[in-house]
Protein backbone atom coordinates (compact mmCIF):
# COMPACT_ATOMS: atom_id res chain seq x y z
CA MET A 1 206.60 5.67 42.64
CA ALA A 2 205.77 4.61 39.09
CA VAL A 3 203.06 2.22 37.86
CA THR A 4 203.28 0.55 34.46
CA GLU A 5 200.35 -0.62 32.34
CA SER A 6 200.76 -4.12 33.77
CA GLY A 7 200.18 -2.73 37.26
CA ILE A 8 203.67 -3.39 38.60
CA ARG A 9 204.88 -0.60 40.88
CA TYR A 10 208.45 0.66 41.20
CA ARG A 11 209.83 2.44 44.21
CA PHE A 12 213.00 4.47 44.84
CA GLU A 13 214.41 4.67 48.34
CA ARG A 14 217.32 7.01 48.66
CA TYR A 15 218.49 5.73 52.05
CA ARG A 16 218.74 2.19 50.62
CA CYS A 17 220.35 3.46 47.42
CA ALA A 18 217.99 1.10 45.58
CA VAL A 19 214.96 0.78 43.30
CA GLY A 20 212.27 -1.72 44.21
CA GLN A 21 210.21 -3.67 41.68
CA GLU A 22 206.94 -5.09 43.00
CA THR A 23 206.91 -8.89 42.80
CA ILE A 24 203.14 -9.29 42.31
CA PRO A 25 200.93 -6.33 41.34
CA GLY A 26 199.26 -4.94 44.43
CA SER A 27 201.19 -7.13 46.89
CA GLY A 28 203.46 -4.45 48.35
CA ASN A 29 206.45 -6.85 48.22
CA TYR A 30 209.48 -5.61 46.31
CA ASN A 31 212.66 -7.01 44.82
CA TRP A 32 215.36 -4.42 45.46
CA HIS A 33 218.01 -3.47 42.89
CA VAL A 34 221.02 -1.58 44.26
CA LEU A 35 222.08 1.57 42.40
CA ALA A 36 225.57 2.90 41.76
CA LYS A 37 224.47 6.33 43.00
CA SER A 38 221.53 7.33 45.17
CA ASP A 39 219.94 9.99 42.98
CA ILE A 40 216.85 10.42 40.83
CA PRO A 41 218.53 10.17 37.37
CA HIS A 42 220.08 6.78 38.24
CA ALA A 43 216.80 5.57 39.72
CA LYS A 44 214.84 6.58 36.60
CA ARG A 45 217.34 4.83 34.33
CA ARG A 46 217.13 1.63 36.38
CA VAL A 47 213.32 1.67 36.39
CA PHE A 48 213.28 2.08 32.59
CA GLU A 49 215.75 -0.83 32.28
CA LEU A 50 213.50 -3.01 34.45
CA ILE A 51 210.41 -2.08 32.44
CA ASN A 52 212.21 -2.88 29.18
CA GLU A 53 213.36 -6.25 30.57
CA ASP A 54 209.73 -7.11 31.39
CA GLU A 55 208.58 -6.15 27.88
CA PHE A 56 211.01 -8.54 26.14
């Protein structure tokens, strides 16, 4: 799990083949983004894409 400066947490679940982005910091509710492959490199790339989308 990764936490950005804004407090939003990201979560990778291999069995779902998805990365979750917390909807409200500290809420524990996630929006899930399906990955092409269920592995760590794809999950990291997707989390960085989501963080960059939030920054711009």
